[in-house]
Amino acid sequence: MSSFPTNQLFRSNSSPRPLVQQLVPTNATSLYETPSLHTATVRTMWLCNGSTNSATVSVHHVPPKASPTQGNALLYSVAIAARSTVIVDQPISMALGDRLYASASAASAITLTAYGEEQVG
């Protein structure tokens, strides 16, 4: 596993905070929704497989009134080795009502943690 200098993880002038930290279920589930009257920027997403077996994960950026599909996938069936972490260090701009959905191939295997900021407006 690679180590990442802290000063390269967050490139924002404001302080990113955890937006969501949750075990990813086996069915596509909304894990984060941009709050009312806000936009959000996900700065970094960590996907940690704490199990002793490899597992796959899919993550979707879904607009309001839509469903997760291949067309809005950020990650699709990405394999994560046992006891490993994948770090997505790419900003994701989220409009009002946008959601992050995720699903995993195994229950209680993958934890998704997303760091970022919410802005009024």
PDB file of N, CA and C in Angstrom:
ATOM      1  N   MET A   1       0.839  -1.176   0.000  1.00  0.00           N
ATOM      2  CA  MET A   1       0.000   0.000   0.000  1.00  0.00           C
ATOM      3  C   MET A   1       0.883   1.237   0.000  1.00  0.00           C
ATOM      4  N   SER A   2       0.539   2.200  -0.818  1.00  0.00           N
ATOM      5  CA  SER A   2       1.303   3.435  -0.912  1.00  0.00           C
ATOM      6  C   SER A   2       0.916   4.381   0.205  1.00  0.00           C
ATOM      7  N   SER A   3       1.868   5.219   0.563  1.00  0.00           N
ATOM      8  CA  SER A   3       1.536   6.274   1.512  1.00  0.00           C
ATOM      9  C   SER A   3       1.410   7.579   0.730  1.00  0.00           C
ATOM     10  N   PHE A   4       0.560   8.453   1.204  1.00  0.00           N
ATOM     11  CA  PHE A   4       0.280   9.702   0.515  1.00  0.00           C
ATOM     12  C   PHE A   4       0.580  10.857   1.446  1.00  0.00           C
ATOM     13  N   PRO A   5       1.386  11.832   0.998  1.00  0.00           N
ATOM     14  CA  PRO A   5       1.631  13.013   1.837  1.00  0.00           C
ATOM     15  C   PRO A   5       0.327  13.747   2.102  1.00  0.00           C
ATOM     16  N   THR A   6       0.090  14.116   3.348  1.00  0.00           N
ATOM     17  CA  THR A   6      -1.150  14.782   3.732  1.00  0.00           C
ATOM     18  C   THR A   6      -1.394  16.045   2.921  1.00  0.00           C
ATOM     19  N   ASN A   7      -0.339  16.789   2.606  1.00  0.00           N
ATOM     20  CA  ASN A   7      -0.546  18.045   1.892  1.00  0.00           C
ATOM     21  C   ASN A   7      -1.000  17.835   0.456  1.00  0.00           C
ATOM     22  N   GLN A   8      -0.992  16.613  -0.051  1.00  0.00           N
ATOM     23  CA  GLN A   8      -1.470  16.348  -1.396  1.00  0.00           C
ATOM     24  C   GLN A   8      -2.869  15.744  -1.415  1.00  0.00           C
ATOM     25  N   LEU A   9      -3.369  15.305  -0.271  1.00  0.00           N
ATOM     26  CA  LEU A   9      -4.696  14.700  -0.253  1.00  0.00           C
ATOM     27  C   LEU A   9      -5.793  15.736  -0.451  1.00  0.00           C
ATOM     28  N   PHE A  10      -5.693  16.865   0.210  1.00  0.00           N
ATOM     29  CA  PHE A  10      -6.746  17.858   0.165  1.00  0.00           C
ATOM     30  C   PHE A  10      -6.194  19.142  -0.425  1.00  0.00           C
ATOM     31  N   ARG A  11      -6.698  19.513  -1.574  1.00  0.00           N
ATOM     32  CA  ARG A  11      -6.179  20.677  -2.278  1.00  0.00           C
ATOM     33  C   ARG A  11      -7.116  21.869  -2.164  1.00  0.00           C
ATOM     34  N   SER A  12      -7.965  21.870  -1.193  1.00  0.00           N
ATOM     35  CA  SER A  12      -8.939  22.938  -1.033  1.00  0.00           C
ATOM     36  C   SER A  12      -8.442  23.959  -0.019  1.00  0.00           C
ATOM     37  N   ASN A  13      -8.921  25.201  -0.146  1.00  0.00           N
ATOM     38  CA  ASN A  13      -8.575  26.223   0.818  1.00  0.00           C
ATOM     39  C   ASN A  13      -9.363  26.056   2.116  1.00  0.00           C
ATOM     40  N   SER A  14     -10.531  25.419   2.049  1.00  0.00           N
ATOM     41  CA  SER A  14     -11.292  25.167   3.262  1.00  0.00           C
ATOM     42  C   SER A  14     -10.902  23.790   3.795  1.00  0.00           C
ATOM     43  N   SER A  15     -11.360  23.502   4.979  1.00  0.00           N
ATOM     44  CA  SER A  15     -10.999  22.237   5.603  1.00  0.00           C
ATOM     45  C   SER A  15     -12.019  21.155   5.265  1.00  0.00           C
ATOM     46  N   PRO A  16     -11.621  20.159   4.482  1.00  0.00           N
ATOM     47  CA  PRO A  16     -12.545  19.055   4.204  1.00  0.00           C
ATOM     48  C   PRO A  16     -12.868  18.310   5.494  1.00  0.00           C
ATOM     49  N   ARG A  17     -14.062  17.786   5.538  1.00  0.00           N
ATOM     50  CA  ARG A  17     -14.505  17.003   6.692  1.00  0.00           C
ATOM     51  C   ARG A  17     -15.169  15.748   6.156  1.00  0.00           C
ATOM     52  N   PRO A  18     -15.348  14.750   6.996  1.00  0.00           N
ATOM     53  CA  PRO A  18     -16.063  13.562   6.523  1.00  0.00           C
ATOM     54  C   PRO A  18     -17.511  13.915   6.160  1.00  0.00           C
ATOM     55  N   LEU A  19     -17.894  13.600   4.945  1.00  0.00           N
ATOM     56  CA  LEU A  19     -19.283  13.778   4.517  1.00  0.00           C
ATOM     57  C   LEU A  19     -20.082  12.509   4.788  1.00  0.00           C
ATOM     58  N   VAL A  20     -19.422  11.372   4.659  1.00  0.00           N
ATOM     59  CA  VAL A  20     -20.059  10.088   4.936  1.00  0.00           C
ATOM     60  C   VAL A  20     -18.984   9.074   5.272  1.00  0.00           C
ATOM     61  N   GLN A  21     -19.297   8.175   6.188  1.00  0.00           N
ATOM     62  CA  GLN A  21     -18.454   7.017   6.475  1.00  0.00           C
ATOM     63  C   GLN A  21     -19.401   5.890   6.835  1.00  0.00           C
ATOM     64  N   GLN A  22     -19.449   4.880   5.957  1.00  0.00           N
ATOM     65  CA  GLN A  22     -20.457   3.841   6.129  1.00  0.00           C
ATOM     66  C   GLN A  22     -20.018   2.560   5.433  1.00  0.00           C
ATOM     67  N   LEU A  23     -20.421   1.425   6.022  1.00  0.00           N
ATOM     68  CA  LEU A  23     -20.249   0.149   5.334  1.00  0.00           C
ATOM     69  C   LEU A  23     -21.107   0.159   4.083  1.00  0.00           C
ATOM     70  N   VAL A  24     -20.572  -0.347   2.992  1.00  0.00           N
ATOM     71  CA  VAL A  24     -21.297  -0.374   1.729  1.00  0.00           C
ATOM     72  C   VAL A  24     -22.134  -1.648   1.674  1.00  0.00           C
ATOM     73  N   PRO A  25     -23.449  -1.540   1.498  1.00  0.00           N
ATOM     74  CA  PRO A  25     -24.309  -2.726   1.421  1.00  0.00           C
ATOM     75  C   PRO A  25     -24.190  -3.418   0.054  1.00  0.00           C
ATOM     76  N   THR A  26     -24.789  -4.575  -0.058  1.00  0.00           N
ATOM     77  CA  THR A  26     -24.715  -5.328  -1.310  1.00  0.00           C
ATOM     78  C   THR A  26     -25.680  -4.812  -2.369  1.00  0.00           C
ATOM     79  N   ASN A  27     -26.701  -4.079  -1.974  1.00  0.00           N
ATOM     80  CA  ASN A  27     -27.604  -3.466  -2.955  1.00  0.00           C
ATOM     81  C   ASN A  27     -27.266  -1.983  -3.083  1.00  0.00           C
ATOM     82  N   ALA A  28     -27.433  -1.421  -4.267  1.00  0.00           N
ATOM     83  CA  ALA A  28     -27.107  -0.015  -4.498  1.00  0.00           C
ATOM     84  C   ALA A  28     -27.941   0.862  -3.555  1.00  0.00           C
ATOM     85  N   THR A  29     -27.259   1.602  -2.704  1.00  0.00           N
ATOM     86  CA  THR A  29     -27.901   2.395  -1.663  1.00  0.00           C
ATOM     87  C   THR A  29     -27.312   3.799  -1.655  1.00  0.00           C
ATOM     88  N   SER A  30     -28.167   4.797  -1.455  1.00  0.00           N
ATOM     89  CA  SER A  30     -27.704   6.171  -1.333  1.00  0.00           C
ATOM     90  C   SER A  30     -26.993   6.340   0.010  1.00  0.00           C
ATOM     91  N   LEU A  31     -25.710   6.696  -0.050  1.00  0.00           N
ATOM     92  CA  LEU A  31     -24.931   6.880   1.166  1.00  0.00           C
ATOM     93  C   LEU A  31     -24.772   8.353   1.531  1.00  0.00           C
ATOM     94  N   TYR A  32     -24.919   9.244   0.548  1.00  0.00           N
ATOM     95  CA  TYR A  32     -24.786  10.671   0.813  1.00  0.00           C
ATOM     96  C   TYR A  32     -25.674  11.431  -0.169  1.00  0.00           C
ATOM     97  N   GLU A  33     -26.359  12.444   0.334  1.00  0.00           N
ATOM     98  CA  GLU A  33     -27.134  13.343  -0.512  1.00  0.00           C
ATOM     99  C   GLU A  33     -26.782  14.773  -0.153  1.00  0.00           C
ATOM    100  N   THR A  34     -26.559  15.603  -1.168  1.00  0.00           N
ATOM    101  CA  THR A  34     -26.263  17.012  -0.933  1.00  0.00           C
ATOM    102  C   THR A  34     -27.446  17.635  -0.194  1.00  0.00           C
ATOM    103  N   PRO A  35     -27.195  18.302   0.923  1.00  0.00           N
ATOM    104  CA  PRO A  35     -28.301  18.852   1.720  1.00  0.00           C
ATOM    105  C   PRO A  35     -29.070  19.950   0.990  1.00  0.00           C
ATOM    106  N   SER A  36     -30.252  20.218   1.500  1.00  0.00           N
ATOM    107  CA  SER A  36     -31.100  21.281   0.968  1.00  0.00           C
ATOM    108  C   SER A  36     -30.346  22.607   0.959  1.00  0.00           C
ATOM    109  N   LEU A  37     -30.489  23.344  -0.131  1.00  0.00           N
ATOM    110  CA  LEU A  37     -29.899  24.669  -0.320  1.00  0.00           C
ATOM    111  C   LEU A  37     -28.368  24.649  -0.334  1.00  0.00           C
ATOM    112  N   HIS A  38     -27.757  23.510  -0.644  1.00  0.00           N
ATOM    113  CA  HIS A  38     -26.307  23.381  -0.652  1.00  0.00           C
ATOM    114  C   HIS A  38     -25.808  22.719  -1.940  1.00  0.00           C
ATOM    115  N   THR A  39     -24.550  22.950  -2.227  1.00  0.00           N
ATOM    116  CA  THR A  39     -23.793  22.140  -3.174  1.00  0.00           C
ATOM    117  C   THR A  39     -22.674  21.499  -2.353  1.00  0.00           C
ATOM    118  N   ALA A  40     -21.983  20.558  -2.943  1.00  0.00           N
ATOM    119  CA  ALA A  40     -20.901  19.899  -2.211  1.00  0.00           C
ATOM    120  C   ALA A  40     -19.783  19.547  -3.175  1.00  0.00           C
ATOM    121  N   THR A  41     -18.602  19.432  -2.619  1.00  0.00           N
ATOM    122  CA  THR A  41     -17.459  18.930  -3.367  1.00  0.00           C
ATOM    123  C   THR A  41     -16.846  17.800  -2.566  1.00  0.00           C
ATOM    124  N   VAL A  42     -16.862  16.606  -3.141  1.00  0.00           N
ATOM    125  CA  VAL A  42     -16.166  15.473  -2.541  1.00  0.00           C
ATOM    126  C   VAL A  42     -14.722  15.598  -3.001  1.00  0.00           C
ATOM    127  N   ARG A  43     -13.802  15.746  -2.074  1.00  0.00           N
ATOM    128  CA  ARG A  43     -12.386  15.925  -2.412  1.00  0.00           C
ATOM    129  C   ARG A  43     -11.667  14.582  -2.544  1.00  0.00           C
ATOM    130  N   THR A  44     -11.935  13.687  -1.622  1.00  0.00           N
ATOM    131  CA  THR A  44     -11.252  12.402  -1.594  1.00  0.00           C
ATOM    132  C   THR A  44     -12.223  11.339  -1.105  1.00  0.00           C
ATOM    133  N   MET A  45     -12.147  10.172  -1.719  1.00  0.00           N
ATOM    134  CA  MET A  45     -12.978   9.048  -1.308  1.00  0.00           C
ATOM    135  C   MET A  45     -12.056   7.867  -1.000  1.00  0.00           C
ATOM    136  N   TRP A  46     -12.225   7.290   0.178  1.00  0.00           N
ATOM    137  CA  TRP A  46     -11.451   6.124   0.594  1.00  0.00           C
ATOM    138  C   TRP A  46     -12.385   4.922   0.606  1.00  0.00           C
ATOM    139  N   LEU A  47     -11.958   3.834   0.005  1.00  0.00           N
ATOM    140  CA  LEU A  47     -12.718   2.587  -0.017  1.00  0.00           C
ATOM    141  C   LEU A  47     -11.840   1.519   0.617  1.00  0.00           C
ATOM    142  N   CYS A  48     -12.204   1.100   1.805  1.00  0.00           N
ATOM    143  CA  CYS A  48     -11.374   0.191   2.592  1.00  0.00           C
ATOM    144  C   CYS A  48     -12.051  -1.169   2.708  1.00  0.00           C
ATOM    145  N   ASN A  49     -11.345  -2.196   2.277  1.00  0.00           N
ATOM    146  CA  ASN A  49     -11.836  -3.564   2.426  1.00  0.00           C
ATOM    147  C   ASN A  49     -11.208  -4.141   3.690  1.00  0.00           C
ATOM    148  N   GLY A  50     -11.983  -4.205   4.747  1.00  0.00           N
ATOM    149  CA  GLY A  50     -11.498  -4.715   6.019  1.00  0.00           C
ATOM    150  C   GLY A  50     -11.673  -6.215   6.180  1.00  0.00           C
ATOM    151  N   SER A  51     -12.194  -6.867   5.153  1.00  0.00           N
ATOM    152  CA  SER A  51     -12.447  -8.310   5.266  1.00  0.00           C
ATOM    153  C   SER A  51     -11.220  -9.115   4.852  1.00  0.00           C
ATOM    154  N   THR A  52     -11.290 -10.410   5.046  1.00  0.00           N
ATOM    155  CA  THR A  52     -10.181 -11.303   4.688  1.00  0.00           C
ATOM    156  C   THR A  52     -10.317 -11.834   3.270  1.00  0.00           C
ATOM    157  N   ASN A  53     -11.320 -11.385   2.539  1.00  0.00           N
ATOM    158  CA  ASN A  53     -11.525 -11.790   1.150  1.00  0.00           C
ATOM    159  C   ASN A  53     -11.586 -10.554   0.254  1.00  0.00           C
ATOM    160  N   SER A  54     -11.215 -10.714  -1.003  1.00  0.00           N
ATOM    161  CA  SER A  54     -11.360  -9.601  -1.934  1.00  0.00           C
ATOM    162  C   SER A  54     -12.844  -9.337  -2.166  1.00  0.00           C
ATOM    163  N   ALA A  55     -13.167  -8.122  -2.568  1.00  0.00           N
ATOM    164  CA  ALA A  55     -14.551  -7.743  -2.846  1.00  0.00           C
ATOM    165  C   ALA A  55     -14.542  -6.680  -3.934  1.00  0.00           C
ATOM    166  N   THR A  56     -15.664  -6.530  -4.609  1.00  0.00           N
ATOM    167  CA  THR A  56     -15.790  -5.467  -5.604  1.00  0.00           C
ATOM    168  C   THR A  56     -16.736  -4.400  -5.078  1.00  0.00           C
ATOM    169  N   VAL A  57     -16.560  -3.193  -5.622  1.00  0.00           N
ATOM    170  CA  VAL A  57     -17.407  -2.077  -5.211  1.00  0.00           C
ATOM    171  C   VAL A  57     -17.742  -1.236  -6.441  1.00  0.00           C
ATOM    172  N   SER A  58     -18.945  -0.701  -6.442  1.00  0.00           N
ATOM    173  CA  SER A  58     -19.377   0.258  -7.459  1.00  0.00           C
ATOM    174  C   SER A  58     -19.854   1.508  -6.740  1.00  0.00           C
ATOM    175  N   VAL A  59     -19.503   2.678  -7.299  1.00  0.00           N
ATOM    176  CA  VAL A  59     -19.918   3.962  -6.739  1.00  0.00           C
ATOM    177  C   VAL A  59     -20.494   4.791  -7.879  1.00  0.00           C
ATOM    178  N   HIS A  60     -21.637   5.424  -7.627  1.00  0.00           N
ATOM    179  CA  HIS A  60     -22.338   6.206  -8.649  1.00  0.00           C
ATOM    180  C   HIS A  60     -22.598   7.619  -8.151  1.00  0.00           C
ATOM    181  N   HIS A  61     -22.470   8.604  -9.040  1.00  0.00           N
ATOM    182  CA  HIS A  61     -22.862  10.004  -8.781  1.00  0.00           C
ATOM    183  C   HIS A  61     -24.194  10.191  -9.495  1.00  0.00           C
ATOM    184  N   VAL A  62     -25.271  10.224  -8.731  1.00  0.00           N
ATOM    185  CA  VAL A  62     -26.624  10.161  -9.280  1.00  0.00           C
ATOM    186  C   VAL A  62     -27.338  11.502  -9.107  1.00  0.00           C
ATOM    187  N   PRO A  63     -27.823  12.071 -10.211  1.00  0.00           N
ATOM    188  CA  PRO A  63     -28.580  13.326 -10.106  1.00  0.00           C
ATOM    189  C   PRO A  63     -29.959  13.085  -9.480  1.00  0.00           C
ATOM    190  N   PRO A  64     -30.632  14.177  -9.057  1.00  0.00           N
ATOM    191  CA  PRO A  64     -31.969  14.035  -8.469  1.00  0.00           C
ATOM    192  C   PRO A  64     -32.914  13.282  -9.403  1.00  0.00           C
ATOM    193  N   LYS A  65     -33.781  12.481  -8.827  1.00  0.00           N
ATOM    194  CA  LYS A  65     -34.827  11.729  -9.527  1.00  0.00           C
ATOM    195  C   LYS A  65     -34.278  10.680 -10.499  1.00  0.00           C
ATOM    196  N   ALA A  66     -32.989  10.343 -10.398  1.00  0.00           N
ATOM    197  CA  ALA A  66     -32.405   9.310 -11.255  1.00  0.00           C
ATOM    198  C   ALA A  66     -32.005   8.118 -10.392  1.00  0.00           C
ATOM    199  N   SER A  67     -31.607   7.055 -11.044  1.00  0.00           N
ATOM    200  CA  SER A  67     -31.175   5.830 -10.373  1.00  0.00           C
ATOM    201  C   SER A  67     -29.737   5.516 -10.765  1.00  0.00           C
ATOM    202  N   PRO A  68     -29.039   4.725  -9.949  1.00  0.00           N
ATOM    203  CA  PRO A  68     -27.675   4.346 -10.317  1.00  0.00           C
ATOM    204  C   PRO A  68     -27.685   3.426 -11.543  1.00  0.00           C
ATOM    205  N   THR A  69     -26.869   3.771 -12.538  1.00  0.00           N
ATOM    206  CA  THR A  69     -26.730   2.982 -13.765  1.00  0.00           C
ATOM    207  C   THR A  69     -25.257   2.992 -14.174  1.00  0.00           C
ATOM    208  N   GLN A  70     -24.917   2.216 -15.191  1.00  0.00           N
ATOM    209  CA  GLN A  70     -23.552   2.260 -15.710  1.00  0.00           C
ATOM    210  C   GLN A  70     -23.211   3.667 -16.212  1.00  0.00           C
ATOM    211  N   GLY A  71     -24.220   4.389 -16.674  1.00  0.00           N
ATOM    212  CA  GLY A  71     -24.014   5.722 -17.224  1.00  0.00           C
ATOM    213  C   GLY A  71     -23.609   6.771 -16.211  1.00  0.00           C
ATOM    214  N   ASN A  72     -23.858   6.536 -14.905  1.00  0.00           N
ATOM    215  CA  ASN A  72     -23.440   7.507 -13.898  1.00  0.00           C
ATOM    216  C   ASN A  72     -22.460   6.905 -12.892  1.00  0.00           C
ATOM    217  N   ALA A  73     -21.826   5.802 -13.287  1.00  0.00           N
ATOM    218  CA  ALA A  73     -20.850   5.144 -12.412  1.00  0.00           C
ATOM    219  C   ALA A  73     -19.540   5.925 -12.368  1.00  0.00           C
ATOM    220  N   LEU A  74     -19.015   6.095 -11.174  1.00  0.00           N
ATOM    221  CA  LEU A  74     -17.667   6.630 -10.992  1.00  0.00           C
ATOM    222  C   LEU A  74     -16.671   5.474 -10.937  1.00  0.00           C
ATOM    223  N   LEU A  75     -17.072   4.420 -10.258  1.00  0.00           N
ATOM    224  CA  LEU A  75     -16.319   3.163 -10.176  1.00  0.00           C
ATOM    225  C   LEU A  75     -17.316   2.054 -10.440  1.00  0.00           C
ATOM    226  N   TYR A  76     -16.932   1.065 -11.250  1.00  0.00           N
ATOM    227  CA  TYR A  76     -17.888  -0.002 -11.565  1.00  0.00           C
ATOM    228  C   TYR A  76     -17.215  -1.356 -11.382  1.00  0.00           C
ATOM    229  N   SER A  77     -17.684  -2.081 -10.385  1.00  0.00           N
ATOM    230  CA  SER A  77     -17.164  -3.417 -10.061  1.00  0.00           C
ATOM    231  C   SER A  77     -15.641  -3.425  -9.941  1.00  0.00           C
ATOM    232  N   VAL A  78     -15.109  -2.464  -9.196  1.00  0.00           N
ATOM    233  CA  VAL A  78     -13.669  -2.372  -8.969  1.00  0.00           C
ATOM    234  C   VAL A  78     -13.288  -3.347  -7.859  1.00  0.00           C
ATOM    235  N   ALA A  79     -12.328  -4.206  -8.146  1.00  0.00           N
ATOM    236  CA  ALA A  79     -11.872  -5.193  -7.167  1.00  0.00           C
ATOM    237  C   ALA A  79     -10.929  -4.540  -6.153  1.00  0.00           C
ATOM    238  N   ILE A  80     -11.191  -4.824  -4.884  1.00  0.00           N
ATOM    239  CA  ILE A  80     -10.313  -4.359  -3.806  1.00  0.00           C
ATOM    240  C   ILE A  80      -9.859  -5.593  -3.043  1.00  0.00           C
ATOM    241  N   ALA A  81      -8.564  -5.784  -2.994  1.00  0.00           N
ATOM    242  CA  ALA A  81      -7.998  -6.952  -2.319  1.00  0.00           C
ATOM    243  C   ALA A  81      -8.328  -6.923  -0.828  1.00  0.00           C
ATOM    244  N   ALA A  82      -8.273  -8.079  -0.210  1.00  0.00           N
ATOM    245  CA  ALA A  82      -8.510  -8.191   1.228  1.00  0.00           C
ATOM    246  C   ALA A  82      -7.556  -7.283   1.989  1.00  0.00           C
ATOM    247  N   ARG A  83      -8.078  -6.629   3.019  1.00  0.00           N
ATOM    248  CA  ARG A  83      -7.285  -5.757   3.893  1.00  0.00           C
ATOM    249  C   ARG A  83      -6.537  -4.664   3.124  1.00  0.00           C
ATOM    250  N   SER A  84      -7.191  -4.121   2.084  1.00  0.00           N
ATOM    251  CA  SER A  84      -6.582  -3.075   1.256  1.00  0.00           C
ATOM    252  C   SER A  84      -7.497  -1.872   1.162  1.00  0.00           C
ATOM    253  N   THR A  85      -6.909  -0.755   0.746  1.00  0.00           N
ATOM    254  CA  THR A  85      -7.644   0.495   0.594  1.00  0.00           C
ATOM    255  C   THR A  85      -7.369   1.085  -0.779  1.00  0.00           C
ATOM    256  N   VAL A  86      -8.422   1.583  -1.413  1.00  0.00           N
ATOM    257  CA  VAL A  86      -8.311   2.325  -2.660  1.00  0.00           C
ATOM    258  C   VAL A  86      -8.684   3.768  -2.346  1.00  0.00           C
ATOM    259  N   ILE A  87      -7.846   4.712  -2.789  1.00  0.00           N
ATOM    260  CA  ILE A  87      -8.092   6.130  -2.548  1.00  0.00           C
ATOM    261  C   ILE A  87      -8.366   6.798  -3.884  1.00  0.00           C
ATOM    262  N   VAL A  88      -9.527   7.452  -3.977  1.00  0.00           N
ATOM    263  CA  VAL A  88      -9.887   8.210  -5.170  1.00  0.00           C
ATOM    264  C   VAL A  88      -9.654   9.676  -4.831  1.00  0.00           C
ATOM    265  N   ASP A  89      -8.610  10.235  -5.400  1.00  0.00           N
ATOM    266  CA  ASP A  89      -8.205  11.610  -5.104  1.00  0.00           C
ATOM    267  C   ASP A  89      -8.546  12.484  -6.300  1.00  0.00           C
ATOM    268  N   GLN A  90      -9.846  12.646  -6.527  1.00  0.00           N
ATOM    269  CA  GLN A  90     -10.345  13.394  -7.679  1.00  0.00           C
ATOM    270  C   GLN A  90     -11.604  14.140  -7.231  1.00  0.00           C
ATOM    271  N   PRO A  91     -11.643  15.462  -7.348  1.00  0.00           N
ATOM    272  CA  PRO A  91     -12.822  16.199  -6.893  1.00  0.00           C
ATOM    273  C   PRO A  91     -14.089  15.815  -7.665  1.00  0.00           C
ATOM    274  N   ILE A  92     -15.183  15.738  -6.953  1.00  0.00           N
ATOM    275  CA  ILE A  92     -16.496  15.453  -7.534  1.00  0.00           C
ATOM    276  C   ILE A  92     -17.415  16.594  -7.103  1.00  0.00           C
ATOM    277  N   SER A  93     -17.858  17.403  -8.055  1.00  0.00           N
ATOM    278  CA  SER A  93     -18.784  18.495  -7.756  1.00  0.00           C
ATOM    279  C   SER A  93     -20.204  17.955  -7.745  1.00  0.00           C
ATOM    280  N   MET A  94     -20.914  18.231  -6.667  1.00  0.00           N
ATOM    281  CA  MET A  94     -22.269  17.725  -6.509  1.00  0.00           C
ATOM    282  C   MET A  94     -23.245  18.889  -6.363  1.00  0.00           C
ATOM    283  N   ALA A  95     -24.269  18.889  -7.195  1.00  0.00           N
ATOM    284  CA  ALA A  95     -25.309  19.913  -7.161  1.00  0.00           C
ATOM    285  C   ALA A  95     -26.346  19.562  -6.094  1.00  0.00           C
ATOM    286  N   LEU A  96     -27.234  20.495  -5.848  1.00  0.00           N
ATOM    287  CA  LEU A  96     -28.334  20.285  -4.913  1.00  0.00           C
ATOM    288  C   LEU A  96     -29.077  19.001  -5.253  1.00  0.00           C
ATOM    289  N   GLY A  97     -29.206  18.116  -4.287  1.00  0.00           N
ATOM    290  CA  GLY A  97     -29.968  16.882  -4.465  1.00  0.00           C
ATOM    291  C   GLY A  97     -29.209  15.730  -5.100  1.00  0.00           C
ATOM    292  N   ASP A  98     -27.970  15.954  -5.551  1.00  0.00           N
ATOM    293  CA  ASP A  98     -27.160  14.852  -6.075  1.00  0.00           C
ATOM    294  C   ASP A  98     -26.861  13.864  -4.954  1.00  0.00           C
ATOM    295  N   ARG A  99     -26.682  12.600  -5.325  1.00  0.00           N
ATOM    296  CA  ARG A  99     -26.432  11.552  -4.334  1.00  0.00           C
ATOM    297  C   ARG A  99     -25.251  10.677  -4.753  1.00  0.00           C
ATOM    298  N   LEU A 100     -24.569  10.127  -3.753  1.00  0.00           N
ATOM    299  CA  LEU A 100     -23.579   9.085  -3.974  1.00  0.00           C
ATOM    300  C   LEU A 100     -24.212   7.766  -3.579  1.00  0.00           C
ATOM    301  N   TYR A 101     -24.288   6.862  -4.535  1.00  0.00           N
ATOM    302  CA  TYR A 101     -24.769   5.507  -4.281  1.00  0.00           C
ATOM    303  C   TYR A 101     -23.577   4.576  -4.306  1.00  0.00           C
ATOM    304  N   ALA A 102     -23.649   3.483  -3.568  1.00  0.00           N
ATOM    305  CA  ALA A 102     -22.595   2.479  -3.624  1.00  0.00           C
ATOM    306  C   ALA A 102     -23.182   1.101  -3.372  1.00  0.00           C
ATOM    307  N   SER A 103     -22.495   0.103  -3.903  1.00  0.00           N
ATOM    308  CA  SER A 103     -22.834  -1.299  -3.632  1.00  0.00           C
ATOM    309  C   SER A 103     -21.550  -2.103  -3.644  1.00  0.00           C
ATOM    310  N   ALA A 104     -21.545  -3.194  -2.883  1.00  0.00           N
ATOM    311  CA  ALA A 104     -20.373  -4.072  -2.788  1.00  0.00           C
ATOM    312  C   ALA A 104     -20.804  -5.513  -3.047  1.00  0.00           C
ATOM    313  N   SER A 105     -19.839  -6.332  -3.416  1.00  0.00           N
ATOM    314  CA  SER A 105     -20.141  -7.741  -3.700  1.00  0.00           C
ATOM    315  C   SER A 105     -20.308  -8.563  -2.433  1.00  0.00           C
ATOM    316  N   ALA A 106     -19.853  -8.038  -1.302  1.00  0.00           N
ATOM    317  CA  ALA A 106     -19.957  -8.768  -0.037  1.00  0.00           C
ATOM    318  C   ALA A 106     -20.403  -7.815   1.061  1.00  0.00           C
ATOM    319  N   ALA A 107     -21.318  -8.290   1.887  1.00  0.00           N
ATOM    320  CA  ALA A 107     -21.801  -7.479   3.009  1.00  0.00           C
ATOM    321  C   ALA A 107     -20.692  -7.295   4.041  1.00  0.00           C
ATOM    322  N   SER A 108     -20.654  -6.141   4.661  1.00  0.00           N
ATOM    323  CA  SER A 108     -19.710  -5.832   5.745  1.00  0.00           C
ATOM    324  C   SER A 108     -18.250  -5.964   5.331  1.00  0.00           C
ATOM    325  N   ALA A 109     -17.947  -5.733   4.060  1.00  0.00           N
ATOM    326  CA  ALA A 109     -16.563  -5.828   3.591  1.00  0.00           C
ATOM    327  C   ALA A 109     -15.946  -4.451   3.352  1.00  0.00           C
ATOM    328  N   ILE A 110     -16.660  -3.582   2.657  1.00  0.00           N
ATOM    329  CA  ILE A 110     -16.104  -2.305   2.202  1.00  0.00           C
ATOM    330  C   ILE A 110     -16.693  -1.147   3.009  1.00  0.00           C
ATOM    331  N   THR A 111     -15.815  -0.287   3.495  1.00  0.00           N
ATOM    332  CA  THR A 111     -16.239   0.965   4.118  1.00  0.00           C
ATOM    333  C   THR A 111     -15.895   2.102   3.171  1.00  0.00           C
ATOM    334  N   LEU A 112     -16.882   2.947   2.870  1.00  0.00           N
ATOM    335  CA  LEU A 112     -16.671   4.133   2.044  1.00  0.00           C
ATOM    336  C   LEU A 112     -16.610   5.339   2.965  1.00  0.00           C
ATOM    337  N   THR A 113     -15.541   6.120   2.840  1.00  0.00           N
ATOM    338  CA  THR A 113     -15.413   7.384   3.556  1.00  0.00           C
ATOM    339  C   THR A 113     -15.145   8.459   2.525  1.00  0.00           C
ATOM    340  N   ALA A 114     -15.977   9.488   2.500  1.00  0.00           N
ATOM    341  CA  ALA A 114     -15.808  10.602   1.569  1.00  0.00           C
ATOM    342  C   ALA A 114     -15.559  11.876   2.366  1.00  0.00           C
ATOM    343  N   TYR A 115     -14.501  12.593   1.998  1.00  0.00           N
ATOM    344  CA  TYR A 115     -14.150  13.863   2.631  1.00  0.00           C
ATOM    345  C   TYR A 115     -14.407  14.991   1.652  1.00  0.00           C
ATOM    346  N   GLY A 116     -14.923  16.102   2.147  1.00  0.00           N
ATOM    347  CA  GLY A 116     -15.178  17.231   1.283  1.00  0.00           C
ATOM    348  C   GLY A 116     -15.786  18.388   2.023  1.00  0.00           C
ATOM    349  N   GLU A 117     -16.441  19.268   1.249  1.00  0.00           N
ATOM    350  CA  GLU A 117     -17.078  20.453   1.828  1.00  0.00           C
ATOM    351  C   GLU A 117     -18.480  20.600   1.264  1.00  0.00           C
ATOM    352  N   GLU A 118     -19.330  21.208   2.066  1.00  0.00           N
ATOM    353  CA  GLU A 118     -20.673  21.606   1.629  1.00  0.00           C
ATOM    354  C   GLU A 118     -20.706  23.134   1.597  1.00  0.00           C
ATOM    355  N   GLN A 119     -21.287  23.692   0.541  1.00  0.00           N
ATOM    356  CA  GLN A 119     -21.365  25.138   0.394  1.00  0.00           C
ATOM    357  C   GLN A 119     -22.836  25.552   0.275  1.00  0.00           C
ATOM    358  N   VAL A 120     -23.200  26.652   0.891  1.00  0.00           N
ATOM    359  CA  VAL A 120     -24.549  27.176   0.754  1.00  0.00           C
ATOM    360  C   VAL A 120     -24.677  27.748  -0.647  1.00  0.00           C
ATOM    361  N   GLY A 121     -25.800  27.418  -1.282  1.00  0.00           N
ATOM    362  CA  GLY A 121     -26.035  28.003  -2.593  1.00  0.00           C
ATOM    363  C   GLY A 121     -26.149  27.018  -3.635  1.00  0.00           C
TER     364      GLY A 121
END
